[in-house]
Amino acid sequence: AGILISALGGSRTQIGGPTAAFIVVVYGVVRDFGADGLIT
């Protein structure tokens, strides 16, 4: 994601990657649907 966000993005200095804001929703998806559900 870091490569794609910087290579294709609309900001000169944006850094992309995983962030803490996703922890809640990701944990819930993994709990309810498994790791493969998160990927989907």
ModelCIF file with pLDDT and N, C-alpha, C, O atoms, coordinates in Angstrom:
data_MODEL
#
_entry.id   MODEL 
#
_entity.id                         1 
_entity.type                       polymer 
_entity.pdbx_number_of_molecules   1 
#
_entity_poly.entity_id                      1 
_entity_poly.type                           'polypeptide(L)' 
_entity_poly.nstd_linkage                   no 
_entity_poly.nstd_monomer                   no 
_entity_poly.pdbx_seq_one_letter_code       AGILISALGGSRTQIGGPTAAFIVVVYGVVRDFGADGLIT 
_entity_poly.pdbx_seq_one_letter_code_can   AGILISALGGSRTQIGGPTAAFIVVVYGVVRDFGADGLIT 
_entity_poly.pdbx_strand_id                 A 
#
loop_
_entity_poly_seq.entity_id 
_entity_poly_seq.num 
_entity_poly_seq.mon_id 
_entity_poly_seq.hetero 
1 1  ALA n 
1 2  GLY n 
1 3  ILE n 
1 4  LEU n 
1 5  ILE n 
1 6  SER n 
1 7  ALA n 
1 8  LEU n 
1 9  GLY n 
1 10 GLY n 
1 11 SER n 
1 12 ARG n 
1 13 THR n 
1 14 GLN n 
1 15 ILE n 
1 16 GLY n 
1 17 GLY n 
1 18 PRO n 
1 19 THR n 
1 20 ALA n 
1 21 ALA n 
1 22 PHE n 
1 23 ILE n 
1 24 VAL n 
1 25 VAL n 
1 26 VAL n 
1 27 TYR n 
1 28 GLY n 
1 29 VAL n 
1 30 VAL n 
1 31 ARG n 
1 32 ASP n 
1 33 PHE n 
1 34 GLY n 
1 35 ALA n 
1 36 ASP n 
1 37 GLY n 
1 38 LEU n 
1 39 ILE n 
1 40 THR n 
#
_struct_asym.id          A 
_struct_asym.entity_id   1 
#
loop_
_ma_qa_metric.id 
_ma_qa_metric.mode 
_ma_qa_metric.name 
_ma_qa_metric.software_group_id 
_ma_qa_metric.type 
1 global pLDDT . pLDDT 
2 local  pLDDT . pLDDT 
#
_ma_qa_metric_global.metric_id      1 
_ma_qa_metric_global.metric_value   92.53 
_ma_qa_metric_global.model_id       1 
_ma_qa_metric_global.ordinal_id     1 
#
loop_
_ma_qa_metric_local.label_asym_id 
_ma_qa_metric_local.label_comp_id 
_ma_qa_metric_local.label_seq_id 
_ma_qa_metric_local.metric_id 
_ma_qa_metric_local.metric_value 
_ma_qa_metric_local.model_id 
_ma_qa_metric_local.ordinal_id 
A ALA 1  2 96.00 1 1  
A GLY 2  2 96.00 1 2  
A ILE 3  2 96.00 1 3  
A LEU 4  2 97.00 1 4  
A ILE 5  2 95.00 1 5  
A SER 6  2 95.00 1 6  
A ALA 7  2 94.00 1 7  
A LEU 8  2 95.00 1 8  
A GLY 9  2 92.00 1 9  
A GLY 10 2 89.00 1 10 
A SER 11 2 91.00 1 11 
A ARG 12 2 90.00 1 12 
A THR 13 2 91.00 1 13 
A GLN 14 2 93.00 1 14 
A ILE 15 2 94.00 1 15 
A GLY 16 2 94.00 1 16 
A GLY 17 2 94.00 1 17 
A PRO 18 2 94.00 1 18 
A THR 19 2 91.00 1 19 
A ALA 20 2 87.00 1 20 
A ALA 21 2 85.00 1 21 
A PHE 22 2 89.00 1 22 
A ILE 23 2 89.00 1 23 
A VAL 24 2 87.00 1 24 
A VAL 25 2 89.00 1 25 
A VAL 26 2 92.00 1 26 
A TYR 27 2 91.00 1 27 
A GLY 28 2 89.00 1 28 
A VAL 29 2 93.00 1 29 
A VAL 30 2 93.00 1 30 
A ARG 31 2 90.00 1 31 
A ASP 32 2 91.00 1 32 
A PHE 33 2 94.00 1 33 
A GLY 34 2 93.00 1 34 
A ALA 35 2 93.00 1 35 
A ASP 36 2 94.00 1 36 
A GLY 37 2 96.00 1 37 
A LEU 38 2 96.00 1 38 
A ILE 39 2 96.00 1 39 
A THR 40 2 97.00 1 40 
#
loop_
_atom_site.group_PDB 
_atom_site.id 
_atom_site.type_symbol 
_atom_site.label_atom_id 
_atom_site.label_alt_id 
_atom_site.label_comp_id 
_atom_site.label_asym_id 
_atom_site.label_entity_id 
_atom_site.label_seq_id 
_atom_site.pdbx_PDB_ins_code 
_atom_site.Cartn_x 
_atom_site.Cartn_y 
_atom_site.Cartn_z 
_atom_site.occupancy 
_atom_site.B_iso_or_equiv 
_atom_site.pdbx_formal_charge 
_atom_site.auth_seq_id 
_atom_site.auth_comp_id 
_atom_site.auth_asym_id 
_atom_site.auth_atom_id 
_atom_site.pdbx_PDB_model_num 
ATOM 1   N N  . ALA A 1 1  ? 0.822   -1.207  0.000  1.00 96.00 ? 1  ALA A N  1 
ATOM 2   C CA . ALA A 1 1  ? 0.000   0.000   0.000  1.00 96.00 ? 1  ALA A CA 1 
ATOM 3   C C  . ALA A 1 1  ? 0.859   1.262   0.000  1.00 96.00 ? 1  ALA A C  1 
ATOM 4   O O  . ALA A 1 1  ? 0.505   2.258   -0.631 1.00 96.00 ? 1  ALA A O  1 
ATOM 5   N N  . GLY A 1 2  ? 1.989   1.218   0.708  1.00 96.00 ? 2  GLY A N  1 
ATOM 6   C CA . GLY A 1 2  ? 2.858   2.390   0.756  1.00 96.00 ? 2  GLY A CA 1 
ATOM 7   C C  . GLY A 1 2  ? 3.361   2.782   -0.619 1.00 96.00 ? 2  GLY A C  1 
ATOM 8   O O  . GLY A 1 2  ? 3.398   3.966   -0.954 1.00 96.00 ? 2  GLY A O  1 
ATOM 9   N N  . ILE A 1 3  ? 3.748   1.798   -1.419 1.00 96.00 ? 3  ILE A N  1 
ATOM 10  C CA . ILE A 1 3  ? 4.219   2.073   -2.776 1.00 96.00 ? 3  ILE A CA 1 
ATOM 11  C C  . ILE A 1 3  ? 3.089   2.618   -3.639 1.00 96.00 ? 3  ILE A C  1 
ATOM 12  O O  . ILE A 1 3  ? 3.269   3.616   -4.337 1.00 96.00 ? 3  ILE A O  1 
ATOM 13  N N  . LEU A 1 4  ? 1.919   1.970   -3.597 1.00 97.00 ? 4  LEU A N  1 
ATOM 14  C CA . LEU A 1 4  ? 0.814   2.364   -4.469 1.00 97.00 ? 4  LEU A CA 1 
ATOM 15  C C  . LEU A 1 4  ? 0.267   3.746   -4.126 1.00 97.00 ? 4  LEU A C  1 
ATOM 16  O O  . LEU A 1 4  ? -0.038  4.531   -5.024 1.00 97.00 ? 4  LEU A O  1 
ATOM 17  N N  . ILE A 1 5  ? 0.141   4.049   -2.828 1.00 95.00 ? 5  ILE A N  1 
ATOM 18  C CA . ILE A 1 5  ? -0.388  5.358   -2.437 1.00 95.00 ? 5  ILE A CA 1 
ATOM 19  C C  . ILE A 1 5  ? 0.539   6.479   -2.879 1.00 95.00 ? 5  ILE A C  1 
ATOM 20  O O  . ILE A 1 5  ? 0.075   7.519   -3.346 1.00 95.00 ? 5  ILE A O  1 
ATOM 21  N N  . SER A 1 6  ? 1.848   6.277   -2.737 1.00 95.00 ? 6  SER A N  1 
ATOM 22  C CA . SER A 1 6  ? 2.789   7.318   -3.148 1.00 95.00 ? 6  SER A CA 1 
ATOM 23  C C  . SER A 1 6  ? 2.918   7.408   -4.666 1.00 95.00 ? 6  SER A C  1 
ATOM 24  O O  . SER A 1 6  ? 3.078   8.498   -5.216 1.00 95.00 ? 6  SER A O  1 
ATOM 25  N N  . ALA A 1 7  ? 2.850   6.267   -5.337 1.00 94.00 ? 7  ALA A N  1 
ATOM 26  C CA . ALA A 1 7  ? 3.030   6.269   -6.794 1.00 94.00 ? 7  ALA A CA 1 
ATOM 27  C C  . ALA A 1 7  ? 1.805   6.789   -7.529 1.00 94.00 ? 7  ALA A C  1 
ATOM 28  O O  . ALA A 1 7  ? 1.939   7.372   -8.604 1.00 94.00 ? 7  ALA A O  1 
ATOM 29  N N  . LEU A 1 8  ? 0.618   6.591   -6.976 1.00 95.00 ? 8  LEU A N  1 
ATOM 30  C CA . LEU A 1 8  ? -0.610  6.939   -7.682 1.00 95.00 ? 8  LEU A CA 1 
ATOM 31  C C  . LEU A 1 8  ? -1.378  8.094   -7.047 1.00 95.00 ? 8  LEU A C  1 
ATOM 32  O O  . LEU A 1 8  ? -2.351  8.578   -7.625 1.00 95.00 ? 8  LEU A O  1 
ATOM 33  N N  . GLY A 1 9  ? -0.950  8.545   -5.856 1.00 92.00 ? 9  GLY A N  1 
ATOM 34  C CA . GLY A 1 9  ? -1.739  9.496   -5.080 1.00 92.00 ? 9  GLY A CA 1 
ATOM 35  C C  . GLY A 1 9  ? -1.662  10.926  -5.545 1.00 92.00 ? 9  GLY A C  1 
ATOM 36  O O  . GLY A 1 9  ? -0.865  11.283  -6.413 1.00 92.00 ? 9  GLY A O  1 
ATOM 37  N N  . GLY A 1 10 ? -2.524  11.750  -4.936 1.00 89.00 ? 10 GLY A N  1 
ATOM 38  C CA . GLY A 1 10 ? -2.615  13.154  -5.303 1.00 89.00 ? 10 GLY A CA 1 
ATOM 39  C C  . GLY A 1 10 ? -1.944  14.092  -4.330 1.00 89.00 ? 10 GLY A C  1 
ATOM 40  O O  . GLY A 1 10 ? -2.195  15.297  -4.361 1.00 89.00 ? 10 GLY A O  1 
ATOM 41  N N  . SER A 1 11 ? -1.089  13.564  -3.462 1.00 91.00 ? 11 SER A N  1 
ATOM 42  C CA . SER A 1 11 ? -0.347  14.393  -2.510 1.00 91.00 ? 11 SER A CA 1 
ATOM 43  C C  . SER A 1 11 ? 1.146   14.134  -2.686 1.00 91.00 ? 11 SER A C  1 
ATOM 44  O O  . SER A 1 11 ? 1.560   13.000  -2.924 1.00 91.00 ? 11 SER A O  1 
ATOM 45  N N  . ARG A 1 12 ? 1.949   15.185  -2.568 1.00 90.00 ? 12 ARG A N  1 
ATOM 46  C CA . ARG A 1 12 ? 3.389   15.018  -2.724 1.00 90.00 ? 12 ARG A CA 1 
ATOM 47  C C  . ARG A 1 12 ? 4.025   14.313  -1.528 1.00 90.00 ? 12 ARG A C  1 
ATOM 48  O O  . ARG A 1 12 ? 5.033   13.623  -1.682 1.00 90.00 ? 12 ARG A O  1 
ATOM 49  N N  . THR A 1 13 ? 3.450   14.479  -0.347 1.00 91.00 ? 13 THR A N  1 
ATOM 50  C CA . THR A 1 13 ? 4.150   14.011  0.860  1.00 91.00 ? 13 THR A CA 1 
ATOM 51  C C  . THR A 1 13 ? 3.347   13.014  1.685  1.00 91.00 ? 13 THR A C  1 
ATOM 52  O O  . THR A 1 13 ? 3.767   12.644  2.781  1.00 91.00 ? 13 THR A O  1 
ATOM 53  N N  . GLN A 1 14 ? 2.194   12.573  1.176  1.00 93.00 ? 14 GLN A N  1 
ATOM 54  C CA . GLN A 1 14 ? 1.378   11.604  1.901  1.00 93.00 ? 14 GLN A CA 1 
ATOM 55  C C  . GLN A 1 14 ? 2.117   10.281  2.073  1.00 93.00 ? 14 GLN A C  1 
ATOM 56  O O  . GLN A 1 14 ? 2.722   9.778   1.127  1.00 93.00 ? 14 GLN A O  1 
ATOM 57  N N  . ILE A 1 15 ? 2.068   9.721   3.275  1.00 94.00 ? 15 ILE A N  1 
ATOM 58  C CA . ILE A 1 15 ? 2.610   8.395   3.555  1.00 94.00 ? 15 ILE A CA 1 
ATOM 59  C C  . ILE A 1 15 ? 1.443   7.473   3.868  1.00 94.00 ? 15 ILE A C  1 
ATOM 60  O O  . ILE A 1 15 ? 0.617   7.779   4.728  1.00 94.00 ? 15 ILE A O  1 
ATOM 61  N N  . GLY A 1 16 ? 1.374   6.339   3.169  1.00 94.00 ? 16 GLY A N  1 
ATOM 62  C CA . GLY A 1 16 ? 0.262   5.413   3.353  1.00 94.00 ? 16 GLY A CA 1 
ATOM 63  C C  . GLY A 1 16 ? 0.677   4.123   4.027  1.00 94.00 ? 16 GLY A C  1 
ATOM 64  O O  . GLY A 1 16 ? 1.847   3.741   4.016  1.00 94.00 ? 16 GLY A O  1 
ATOM 65  N N  . GLY A 1 17 ? -0.304  3.463   4.611  1.00 94.00 ? 17 GLY A N  1 
ATOM 66  C CA . GLY A 1 17 ? -0.057  2.178   5.260  1.00 94.00 ? 17 GLY A CA 1 
ATOM 67  C C  . GLY A 1 17 ? -1.172  1.859   6.235  1.00 94.00 ? 17 GLY A C  1 
ATOM 68  O O  . GLY A 1 17 ? -2.217  2.508   6.204  1.00 94.00 ? 17 GLY A O  1 
ATOM 69  N N  . PRO A 1 18 ? -0.975  0.870   7.106  1.00 94.00 ? 18 PRO A N  1 
ATOM 70  C CA . PRO A 1 18 ? -1.984  0.553   8.114  1.00 94.00 ? 18 PRO A CA 1 
ATOM 71  C C  . PRO A 1 18 ? -2.011  1.637   9.186  1.00 94.00 ? 18 PRO A C  1 
ATOM 72  O O  . PRO A 1 18 ? -0.972  2.209   9.516  1.00 94.00 ? 18 PRO A O  1 
ATOM 73  N N  . THR A 1 19 ? -3.186  1.921   9.728  1.00 91.00 ? 19 THR A N  1 
ATOM 74  C CA . THR A 1 19 ? -3.293  2.926   10.782 1.00 91.00 ? 19 THR A CA 1 
ATOM 75  C C  . THR A 1 19 ? -4.146  2.400   11.929 1.00 91.00 ? 19 THR A C  1 
ATOM 76  O O  . THR A 1 19 ? -4.924  1.461   11.766 1.00 91.00 ? 19 THR A O  1 
ATOM 77  N N  . ALA A 1 20 ? -3.986  3.017   13.078 1.00 87.00 ? 20 ALA A N  1 
ATOM 78  C CA . ALA A 1 20 ? -4.684  2.573   14.278 1.00 87.00 ? 20 ALA A CA 1 
ATOM 79  C C  . ALA A 1 20 ? -6.193  2.715   14.158 1.00 87.00 ? 20 ALA A C  1 
ATOM 80  O O  . ALA A 1 20 ? -6.931  1.998   14.833 1.00 87.00 ? 20 ALA A O  1 
ATOM 81  N N  . ALA A 1 21 ? -6.666  3.623   13.316 1.00 85.00 ? 21 ALA A N  1 
ATOM 82  C CA . ALA A 1 21 ? -8.109  3.831   13.175 1.00 85.00 ? 21 ALA A CA 1 
ATOM 83  C C  . ALA A 1 21 ? -8.824  2.577   12.691 1.00 85.00 ? 21 ALA A C  1 
ATOM 84  O O  . ALA A 1 21 ? -10.021 2.415   12.930 1.00 85.00 ? 21 ALA A O  1 
ATOM 85  N N  . PHE A 1 22 ? -8.100  1.685   12.011 1.00 89.00 ? 22 PHE A N  1 
ATOM 86  C CA . PHE A 1 22 ? -8.723  0.475   11.474 1.00 89.00 ? 22 PHE A CA 1 
ATOM 87  C C  . PHE A 1 22 ? -8.801  -0.672  12.487 1.00 89.00 ? 22 PHE A C  1 
ATOM 88  O O  . PHE A 1 22 ? -9.487  -1.664  12.238 1.00 89.00 ? 22 PHE A O  1 
ATOM 89  N N  . ILE A 1 23 ? -8.122  -0.554  13.607 1.00 89.00 ? 23 ILE A N  1 
ATOM 90  C CA . ILE A 1 23 ? -8.010  -1.680  14.529 1.00 89.00 ? 23 ILE A CA 1 
ATOM 91  C C  . ILE A 1 23 ? -9.384  -2.213  14.941 1.00 89.00 ? 23 ILE A C  1 
ATOM 92  O O  . ILE A 1 23 ? -9.608  -3.423  14.951 1.00 89.00 ? 23 ILE A O  1 
ATOM 93  N N  . VAL A 1 24 ? -10.294 -1.308  15.278 1.00 87.00 ? 24 VAL A N  1 
ATOM 94  C CA . VAL A 1 24 ? -11.610 -1.719  15.764 1.00 87.00 ? 24 VAL A CA 1 
ATOM 95  C C  . VAL A 1 24 ? -12.365 -2.523  14.710 1.00 87.00 ? 24 VAL A C  1 
ATOM 96  O O  . VAL A 1 24 ? -12.849 -3.620  14.987 1.00 87.00 ? 24 VAL A O  1 
ATOM 97  N N  . VAL A 1 25 ? -12.462 -1.975  13.504 1.00 89.00 ? 25 VAL A N  1 
ATOM 98  C CA . VAL A 1 25 ? -13.239 -2.657  12.466 1.00 89.00 ? 25 VAL A CA 1 
ATOM 99  C C  . VAL A 1 25 ? -12.542 -3.922  11.986 1.00 89.00 ? 25 VAL A C  1 
ATOM 100 O O  . VAL A 1 25 ? -13.205 -4.923  11.714 1.00 89.00 ? 25 VAL A O  1 
ATOM 101 N N  . VAL A 1 26 ? -11.210 -3.897  11.878 1.00 92.00 ? 26 VAL A N  1 
ATOM 102 C CA . VAL A 1 26 ? -10.479 -5.081  11.431 1.00 92.00 ? 26 VAL A CA 1 
ATOM 103 C C  . VAL A 1 26 ? -10.621 -6.217  12.440 1.00 92.00 ? 26 VAL A C  1 
ATOM 104 O O  . VAL A 1 26 ? -10.846 -7.366  12.058 1.00 92.00 ? 26 VAL A O  1 
ATOM 105 N N  . TYR A 1 27 ? -10.490 -5.900  13.711 1.00 91.00 ? 27 TYR A N  1 
ATOM 106 C CA . TYR A 1 27 ? -10.633 -6.922  14.748 1.00 91.00 ? 27 TYR A CA 1 
ATOM 107 C C  . TYR A 1 27 ? -12.020 -7.554  14.677 1.00 91.00 ? 27 TYR A C  1 
ATOM 108 O O  . TYR A 1 27 ? -12.166 -8.769  14.812 1.00 91.00 ? 27 TYR A O  1 
ATOM 109 N N  . GLY A 1 28 ? -13.035 -6.721  14.463 1.00 89.00 ? 28 GLY A N  1 
ATOM 110 C CA . GLY A 1 28 ? -14.396 -7.242  14.376 1.00 89.00 ? 28 GLY A CA 1 
ATOM 111 C C  . GLY A 1 28 ? -14.606 -8.133  13.170 1.00 89.00 ? 28 GLY A C  1 
ATOM 112 O O  . GLY A 1 28 ? -15.269 -9.165  13.273 1.00 89.00 ? 28 GLY A O  1 
ATOM 113 N N  . VAL A 1 29 ? -14.051 -7.754  12.025 1.00 93.00 ? 29 VAL A N  1 
ATOM 114 C CA . VAL A 1 29 ? -14.192 -8.571  10.820 1.00 93.00 ? 29 VAL A CA 1 
ATOM 115 C C  . VAL A 1 29 ? -13.484 -9.910  10.985 1.00 93.00 ? 29 VAL A C  1 
ATOM 116 O O  . VAL A 1 29 ? -14.028 -10.953 10.623 1.00 93.00 ? 29 VAL A O  1 
ATOM 117 N N  . VAL A 1 30 ? -12.272 -9.881  11.532 1.00 93.00 ? 30 VAL A N  1 
ATOM 118 C CA . VAL A 1 30 ? -11.525 -11.126 11.741 1.00 93.00 ? 30 VAL A CA 1 
ATOM 119 C C  . VAL A 1 30 ? -12.265 -12.031 12.720 1.00 93.00 ? 30 VAL A C  1 
ATOM 120 O O  . VAL A 1 30 ? -12.326 -13.246 12.527 1.00 93.00 ? 30 VAL A O  1 
ATOM 121 N N  . ARG A 1 31 ? -12.829 -11.437 13.771 1.00 90.00 ? 31 ARG A N  1 
ATOM 122 C CA . ARG A 1 31 ? -13.565 -12.224 14.759 1.00 90.00 ? 31 ARG A CA 1 
ATOM 123 C C  . ARG A 1 31 ? -14.800 -12.882 14.135 1.00 90.00 ? 31 ARG A C  1 
ATOM 124 O O  . ARG A 1 31 ? -15.094 -14.044 14.414 1.00 90.00 ? 31 ARG A O  1 
ATOM 125 N N  . ASP A 1 32 ? -15.510 -12.146 13.301 1.00 91.00 ? 32 ASP A N  1 
ATOM 126 C CA . ASP A 1 32 ? -16.788 -12.645 12.770 1.00 91.00 ? 32 ASP A CA 1 
ATOM 127 C C  . ASP A 1 32 ? -16.645 -13.448 11.485 1.00 91.00 ? 32 ASP A C  1 
ATOM 128 O O  . ASP A 1 32 ? -17.434 -14.359 11.236 1.00 91.00 ? 32 ASP A O  1 
ATOM 129 N N  . PHE A 1 33 ? -15.636 -13.119 10.657 1.00 94.00 ? 33 PHE A N  1 
ATOM 130 C CA . PHE A 1 33 ? -15.556 -13.741 9.333  1.00 94.00 ? 33 PHE A CA 1 
ATOM 131 C C  . PHE A 1 33 ? -14.199 -14.378 9.036  1.00 94.00 ? 33 PHE A C  1 
ATOM 132 O O  . PHE A 1 33 ? -14.011 -14.953 7.964  1.00 94.00 ? 33 PHE A O  1 
ATOM 133 N N  . GLY A 1 34 ? -13.250 -14.283 9.975  1.00 93.00 ? 34 GLY A N  1 
ATOM 134 C CA . GLY A 1 34 ? -11.945 -14.884 9.759  1.00 93.00 ? 34 GLY A CA 1 
ATOM 135 C C  . GLY A 1 34 ? -11.016 -13.983 8.958  1.00 93.00 ? 34 GLY A C  1 
ATOM 136 O O  . GLY A 1 34 ? -11.429 -12.954 8.423  1.00 93.00 ? 34 GLY A O  1 
ATOM 137 N N  . ALA A 1 35 ? -9.750  -14.393 8.887  1.00 93.00 ? 35 ALA A N  1 
ATOM 138 C CA . ALA A 1 35 ? -8.752  -13.600 8.163  1.00 93.00 ? 35 ALA A CA 1 
ATOM 139 C C  . ALA A 1 35 ? -9.079  -13.503 6.682  1.00 93.00 ? 35 ALA A C  1 
ATOM 140 O O  . ALA A 1 35 ? -8.826  -12.470 6.062  1.00 93.00 ? 35 ALA A O  1 
ATOM 141 N N  . ASP A 1 36 ? -9.642  -14.569 6.100  1.00 94.00 ? 36 ASP A N  1 
ATOM 142 C CA . ASP A 1 36 ? -10.002 -14.517 4.685  1.00 94.00 ? 36 ASP A CA 1 
ATOM 143 C C  . ASP A 1 36 ? -11.154 -13.547 4.449  1.00 94.00 ? 36 ASP A C  1 
ATOM 144 O O  . ASP A 1 36 ? -11.244 -12.928 3.389  1.00 94.00 ? 36 ASP A O  1 
ATOM 145 N N  . GLY A 1 37 ? -12.042 -13.416 5.450  1.00 96.00 ? 37 GLY A N  1 
ATOM 146 C CA . GLY A 1 37 ? -13.110 -12.433 5.341  1.00 96.00 ? 37 GLY A CA 1 
ATOM 147 C C  . GLY A 1 37 ? -12.574 -11.013 5.330  1.00 96.00 ? 37 GLY A C  1 
ATOM 148 O O  . GLY A 1 37 ? -13.091 -10.156 4.614  1.00 96.00 ? 37 GLY A O  1 
ATOM 149 N N  . LEU A 1 38 ? -11.527 -10.759 6.131  1.00 96.00 ? 38 LEU A N  1 
ATOM 150 C CA . LEU A 1 38 ? -10.900 -9.438  6.136  1.00 96.00 ? 38 LEU A CA 1 
ATOM 151 C C  . LEU A 1 38 ? -10.316 -9.116  4.766  1.00 96.00 ? 38 LEU A C  1 
ATOM 152 O O  . LEU A 1 38 ? -10.457 -7.995  4.277  1.00 96.00 ? 38 LEU A O  1 
ATOM 153 N N  . ILE A 1 39 ? -9.663  -10.092 4.149  1.00 96.00 ? 39 ILE A N  1 
ATOM 154 C CA . ILE A 1 39 ? -9.062  -9.863  2.834  1.00 96.00 ? 39 ILE A CA 1 
ATOM 155 C C  . ILE A 1 39 ? -10.136 -9.522  1.806  1.00 96.00 ? 39 ILE A C  1 
ATOM 156 O O  . ILE A 1 39 ? -9.957  -8.621  0.986  1.00 96.00 ? 39 ILE A O  1 
ATOM 157 N N  . THR A 1 40 ? -11.250 -10.247 1.856  1.00 97.00 ? 40 THR A N  1 
ATOM 158 C CA . THR A 1 40 ? -12.347 -9.956  0.928  1.00 97.00 ? 40 THR A CA 1 
ATOM 159 C C  . THR A 1 40 ? -12.928 -8.571  1.181  1.00 97.00 ? 40 THR A C  1 
ATOM 160 O O  . THR A 1 40 ? -13.860 -8.157  0.492  1.00 97.00 ? 40 THR A O  1 
#
